[in-house]
Amino acid sequence: MSRLDLLYLEDTQPAAAIAAVHRWCAEYDCDISGEEGRQAVAAAARLAKSTGRPDLFSALSLEMASVSRPSRADLVLVLEDEPFIALDMEEILQAAGFESKIMSSCEAAMKWLAFRTPLAAILDFRLKDEVCTSAATLLQARGVPIIFCSGADLGDVPAHLHQAPWVQKPFDERQLTGLLSQVLQVRQLEEEA
């Protein structure tokens, strides 16, 4: 760990930054002395200096997920906290020829996204105790097609995510799989151009 990164922090900030980096490296099974560890130290030091960061670990996880070079996963990420709906979606997607990765929280999705990028994502915007703005924003920044499948109100979604297609729950499986096929075709055309 470079002391230079932590040199200009005040009071308890260096200890908080070091603790966040150690926790992040443990969570993501990375070597703190390796390249990712050094990046995490620099990011934690910068984040500790900024104001309004009550949870340095979460901020660091989001930062590292946005700067990592994730591998491409040939599957659809489904962020859904209702187990029966998640199982239905998994079966529907499988029947339509899509592999899926089911996540029930934004935190779990952000951890997974730290090292992988899906073909597309189907997100319930409002989960039990959170909204999935951070995951949706990260996916959007990576150019991943997003479909919101939610009972939430579209007015609750931040403006920068309004262009994502919206399927209201309860959903029609043909509408959902048809929309997924469309957004994947558009993505393929964009990549070929």
Foldseek 3Di string as FASTA:
>chain_A
DDVVLQVPADDCLVVLLVVLLVVLCVLLVHDLPDPLVVVSSNQSSVVSPDPDCPDSNVVSLLVLLLPADAAEDAAEEEAAQPVVVQVVVQVLQVVVPGHYDYHDDLVVLSSVSSHYQYQAYEYAQDHDPHGNQSNLVSNVVVVHQYEYEYQDDLVVHDPVNNVHHYAYPVGDSCVVSVVVVVSSVVSVVVVVD
